Protein backbone atom coordinates (compact mmCIF):
# COMPACT_ATOMS: atom_id res chain seq x y z
CA MET A 1 49.20 71.84 -51.07
CA MET A 2 47.12 69.51 -49.46
CA LYS A 3 49.84 69.41 -46.29
CA ASN A 4 48.18 72.86 -46.17
CA ARG A 5 44.64 71.77 -46.76
CA PHE A 6 45.21 69.04 -44.19
CA LYS A 7 47.35 71.46 -41.62
CA GLU A 8 43.76 74.55 -42.14
CA MET A 9 41.50 71.90 -41.29
CA LYS A 10 43.12 70.52 -38.42
CA GLY A 11 43.34 74.01 -36.97
CA LYS A 12 39.39 74.31 -37.25
CA SER A 13 38.69 71.02 -36.05
CA GLN A 14 40.73 71.29 -32.69
CA ILE A 15 38.97 75.08 -32.40
CA VAL A 16 35.62 73.58 -32.65
CA SER A 17 36.64 70.67 -30.11
CA VAL A 18 37.74 73.25 -27.74
CA ILE A 19 34.25 75.22 -28.02
CA GLY A 20 32.33 72.01 -27.60
CA PHE A 21 34.46 71.21 -24.73
CA LEU A 22 33.80 74.49 -23.01
CA ILE A 23 29.40 74.26 -24.15
CA LEU A 24 30.02 71.18 -22.56
CA ILE A 25 31.60 72.14 -19.20
CA LEU A 26 28.89 75.21 -19.43
CA PHE A 27 25.73 72.56 -19.63
CA TYR A 28 27.26 70.15 -16.72
CA SER A 29 28.01 73.14 -14.60
CA LEU A 30 24.25 74.86 -14.84
CA TYR A 31 22.58 71.24 -14.36
CA ILE A 32 24.68 70.86 -11.18
CA ILE A 33 23.40 74.41 -9.92
CA SER A 34 20.30 73.98 -11.11
CA SER A 35 19.48 70.52 -9.44
CA HIS A 36 21.40 72.31 -5.84
CA PHE A 37 18.89 75.05 -6.41
CA LEU A 38 16.23 72.42 -6.68
CA SER A 39 17.01 70.71 -3.60
CA ILE A 40 17.54 73.73 -1.26
CA PHE A 41 14.32 75.11 -2.69
CA GLN A 42 12.83 71.92 -0.77
CA ASN A 43 14.62 72.14 1.78
CA LEU A 44 12.83 75.39 2.30
CA GLU A 45 9.81 74.06 1.94
CA SER A 46 9.25 71.26 3.92
CA VAL A 47 11.58 73.36 6.68
CA LEU A 48 8.66 75.96 6.02
CA LEU A 49 6.20 73.98 6.19
CA THR A 50 7.10 72.62 9.88
CA ILE A 51 7.25 75.94 11.16
CA ASP A 52 3.75 75.86 9.92
CA ASN A 53 2.38 72.95 11.81
């Protein structure tokens, strides 16, 4: 009986760890994308400023 319970808990913890891993990847990719967009916008701003001058 204890073995079955342990097996269930192990399966659940595996699922939880996989979900956590996916969430981490999602946040990391969002962070990278946002930083890229910020640098692109800053570059555009500087280009527009040089064009104005």
